[in-house]
Amino acid sequence: MKITVIVKPRARGQKIEENVSGEYAVSVVSAAREGNANSEVIDILARYFKVAKSNIRIVSGQKSKKKILEIL
C-alpha cells in the first residue's frame, strides 16, 4: 500500500491526521536535519499501522515535506 504523507517537523508533539483526500499529516518533534524527521515519521507510522519499521520505506520525497511511503 502506498500513502502520501505531509510532514510537519519541529511540532510540539507527535500526531497523525488523515485528510479527506486520503493524505496523512504527520507532526514530528524532530527537525528536518540528517534524516531525523524521516526516522521519526517511519516510527510513528509503524505504530499507527501496527507493522515493523522495516516494512515502511520512503519511495519519493526524501528531502521534501510531501512524501510517498510504501507500507508492506
C-alpha atoms as a PDB file:
ATOM      1  CA  MET A   1       0.000   0.000   0.000  1.00  0.00           C
ATOM      2  CA  LYS A   2       1.315   3.463  -0.864  1.00  0.00           C
ATOM      3  CA  ILE A   3       0.309   6.560   1.082  1.00  0.00           C
ATOM      4  CA  THR A   4       1.032  10.257   0.736  1.00  0.00           C
ATOM      5  CA  VAL A   5       2.350  11.948   3.858  1.00  0.00           C
ATOM      6  CA  ILE A   6       2.823  15.638   4.591  1.00  0.00           C
ATOM      7  CA  VAL A   7       5.412  16.056   7.346  1.00  0.00           C
ATOM      8  CA  LYS A   8       5.277  18.900   9.857  1.00  0.00           C
ATOM      9  CA  PRO A   9       8.711  18.984  11.546  1.00  0.00           C
ATOM     10  CA  ARG A  10       9.508  20.661  14.887  1.00  0.00           C
ATOM     11  CA  ALA A  11       5.964  20.324  16.206  1.00  0.00           C
ATOM     12  CA  ARG A  12       5.137  20.328  19.906  1.00  0.00           C
ATOM     13  CA  GLY A  13       4.132  16.673  19.833  1.00  0.00           C
ATOM     14  CA  GLN A  14       3.636  13.662  17.611  1.00  0.00           C
ATOM     15  CA  LYS A  15       0.303  13.445  15.812  1.00  0.00           C
ATOM     16  CA  ILE A  16      -1.258  11.764  12.774  1.00  0.00           C
ATOM     17  CA  GLU A  17      -4.284  13.164  10.960  1.00  0.00           C
ATOM     18  CA  GLU A  18      -5.921  11.693   7.866  1.00  0.00           C
ATOM     19  CA  ASN A  19      -7.270  14.297   5.445  1.00  0.00           C
ATOM     20  CA  VAL A  20     -10.433  13.832   3.392  1.00  0.00           C
ATOM     21  CA  SER A  21      -8.242  13.406   0.293  1.00  0.00           C
ATOM     22  CA  GLY A  22      -6.592  10.323   1.827  1.00  0.00           C
ATOM     23  CA  GLU A  23      -3.310  12.063   2.662  1.00  0.00           C
ATOM     24  CA  TYR A  24      -1.811  11.810   6.126  1.00  0.00           C
ATOM     25  CA  ALA A  25      -0.449  14.826   8.010  1.00  0.00           C
ATOM     26  CA  VAL A  26       2.244  13.675  10.439  1.00  0.00           C
ATOM     27  CA  SER A  27       3.598  16.076  13.058  1.00  0.00           C
ATOM     28  CA  VAL A  28       7.043  15.200  14.425  1.00  0.00           C
ATOM     29  CA  VAL A  29       9.164  16.730  17.170  1.00  0.00           C
ATOM     30  CA  SER A  30      12.478  16.291  15.318  1.00  0.00           C
ATOM     31  CA  ALA A  31      13.941  18.874  12.990  1.00  0.00           C
ATOM     32  CA  ALA A  32      14.300  18.085   9.303  1.00  0.00           C
ATOM     33  CA  ARG A  33      18.060  17.542   9.539  1.00  0.00           C
ATOM     34  CA  GLU A  34      20.185  14.476   8.899  1.00  0.00           C
ATOM     35  CA  GLY A  35      17.113  12.283   8.378  1.00  0.00           C
ATOM     36  CA  ASN A  36      15.893  12.665  11.957  1.00  0.00           C
ATOM     37  CA  ALA A  37      12.361  13.685  10.940  1.00  0.00           C
ATOM     38  CA  ASN A  38      12.152  10.863   8.373  1.00  0.00           C
ATOM     39  CA  SER A  39      13.127   8.306  11.002  1.00  0.00           C
ATOM     40  CA  GLU A  40      10.509   9.658  13.379  1.00  0.00           C
ATOM     41  CA  VAL A  41       7.835   9.569  10.645  1.00  0.00           C
ATOM     42  CA  ILE A  42       8.605   5.908   9.968  1.00  0.00           C
ATOM     43  CA  ASP A  43       8.491   5.150  13.701  1.00  0.00           C
ATOM     44  CA  ILE A  44       5.114   6.881  14.151  1.00  0.00           C
ATOM     45  CA  LEU A  45       3.559   5.228  11.101  1.00  0.00           C
ATOM     46  CA  ALA A  46       4.831   1.797  12.143  1.00  0.00           C
ATOM     47  CA  ARG A  47       2.988   2.149  15.455  1.00  0.00           C
ATOM     48  CA  TYR A  48      -0.122   3.590  13.753  1.00  0.00           C
ATOM     49  CA  PHE A  49      -0.402   0.777  11.175  1.00  0.00           C
ATOM     50  CA  LYS A  50       0.944  -1.885  13.588  1.00  0.00           C
ATOM     51  CA  VAL A  51       3.771  -3.046  11.297  1.00  0.00           C
ATOM     52  CA  ALA A  52       7.527  -3.319  11.734  1.00  0.00           C
ATOM     53  CA  LYS A  53       9.609  -0.250  10.888  1.00  0.00           C
ATOM     54  CA  SER A  54      11.456  -2.335   8.300  1.00  0.00           C
ATOM     55  CA  ASN A  55       8.166  -2.732   6.386  1.00  0.00           C
ATOM     56  CA  ILE A  56       7.935   1.019   5.707  1.00  0.00           C
ATOM     57  CA  ARG A  57      10.108   2.836   3.193  1.00  0.00           C
ATOM     58  CA  ILE A  58      10.154   6.261   1.593  1.00  0.00           C
ATOM     59  CA  VAL A  59       9.524   5.911  -2.149  1.00  0.00           C
ATOM     60  CA  SER A  60       9.874   9.592  -3.029  1.00  0.00           C
ATOM     61  CA  GLY A  61      10.297  12.918  -1.263  1.00  0.00           C
ATOM     62  CA  GLN A  62      13.299  12.030   0.896  1.00  0.00           C
ATOM     63  CA  LYS A  63      14.122  15.743   1.340  1.00  0.00           C
ATOM     64  CA  SER A  64      10.625  17.142   0.898  1.00  0.00           C
ATOM     65  CA  LYS A  65       7.736  17.732   3.297  1.00  0.00           C
ATOM     66  CA  LYS A  66       5.429  15.800   0.958  1.00  0.00           C
ATOM     67  CA  LYS A  67       6.454  12.147   0.752  1.00  0.00           C
ATOM     68  CA  ILE A  68       5.175   8.928  -0.708  1.00  0.00           C
ATOM     69  CA  LEU A  69       5.697   5.939   1.566  1.00  0.00           C
ATOM     70  CA  GLU A  70       5.203   2.265   0.867  1.00  0.00           C
ATOM     71  CA  ILE A  71       3.897   0.032   3.627  1.00  0.00           C
ATOM     72  CA  LEU A  72       4.357  -3.694   3.143  1.00  0.00           C
END
